[in-house]
Protein backbone atom coordinates (compact mmCIF):
# COMPACT_ATOMS: atom_id res chain seq x y z
CA UNK A 1 0.02 -0.09 -0.12
CA UNK A 2 1.41 3.30 -1.24
CA UNK A 3 1.75 6.02 1.69
CA UNK A 4 -0.11 9.21 0.71
CA UNK A 5 2.08 12.25 1.22
CA UNK A 6 1.76 15.93 0.65
CA UNK A 7 3.77 17.50 -2.21
CA UNK A 8 7.03 19.01 -1.06
CA UNK A 9 5.91 22.60 -1.92
CA UNK A 10 2.81 22.18 0.28
CA UNK A 11 5.29 21.21 3.50
CA UNK A 12 7.26 24.35 2.15
CA UNK A 13 4.26 26.51 2.50
CA UNK A 14 3.29 25.16 5.79
CA UNK A 15 6.78 25.88 6.96
CA UNK A 16 6.82 29.52 5.50
CA UNK A 17 3.06 30.83 6.23
CA UNK A 18 2.75 31.47 9.93
CA UNK A 19 -1.14 32.13 9.59
CA UNK A 20 -1.71 28.94 7.96
CA UNK A 21 0.29 27.01 10.57
CA UNK A 22 -2.08 29.04 13.09
CA UNK A 23 -5.16 27.93 11.64
CA UNK A 24 -4.06 24.07 11.63
CA UNK A 25 -2.77 24.38 15.20
CA UNK A 26 -6.06 25.96 16.23
CA UNK A 27 -8.29 22.81 14.59
CA UNK A 28 -5.95 19.87 15.71
CA UNK A 29 -5.02 21.35 19.32
CA UNK A 30 -1.34 21.92 19.03
CA UNK A 31 1.00 24.60 18.80
CA UNK A 32 1.77 26.62 15.88
CA UNK A 33 5.53 25.64 16.35
CA UNK A 34 4.44 21.81 16.51
CA UNK A 35 2.81 22.24 13.10
CA UNK A 36 6.26 23.74 11.69
CA UNK A 37 7.81 20.66 13.10
CA UNK A 38 5.07 18.29 11.79
CA UNK A 39 5.88 20.03 8.14
CA UNK A 40 9.44 19.38 8.56
CA UNK A 41 9.19 15.79 9.68
CA UNK A 42 6.56 15.21 6.92
CA UNK A 43 4.05 14.01 9.69
CA UNK A 44 1.25 11.80 8.75
CA UNK A 45 -0.97 14.24 10.92
CA UNK A 46 -0.91 16.89 8.15
CA UNK A 47 -2.96 14.20 6.04
CA UNK A 48 -5.86 14.24 8.46
CA UNK A 49 -9.16 15.38 6.94
CA UNK A 50 -9.72 18.32 9.04
CA UNK A 51 -6.22 19.37 8.17
CA UNK A 52 -6.72 19.19 4.49
CA UNK A 53 -9.73 21.08 4.42
CA UNK A 54 -7.63 24.00 6.11
CA UNK A 55 -4.98 23.88 3.62
CA UNK A 56 -7.60 23.65 0.68
CA UNK A 57 -9.28 27.04 1.97
CA UNK A 58 -5.98 28.69 2.63
CA UNK A 59 -4.05 27.78 -0.01
CA UNK A 60 -6.82 27.75 -2.59
CA UNK A 61 -5.97 24.43 -4.17
CA UNK A 62 -8.12 21.24 -4.63
CA UNK A 63 -7.39 18.07 -2.70
CA UNK A 64 -5.94 16.37 -5.35
CA UNK A 65 -3.36 19.02 -6.13
CA UNK A 66 -2.24 18.67 -2.56
CA UNK A 67 -0.86 15.20 -2.53
CA UNK A 68 1.73 13.62 -4.78
CA UNK A 69 0.37 11.21 -7.53
């Protein structure tokens, strides 16, 4: 089974976009800094549906555009 992973540019955007990290942190109950660490480690936590919804709204991409093919 192939592991679903965000595109590298999405991890970069999370690391460089403080308002996005704050929105993600608020949705999953962690600190903004923890979201940064998750993006650096490419944590599967960032693949959760609630996080994907936040990213879709903030970044303006469709779900399939967030993930590697």
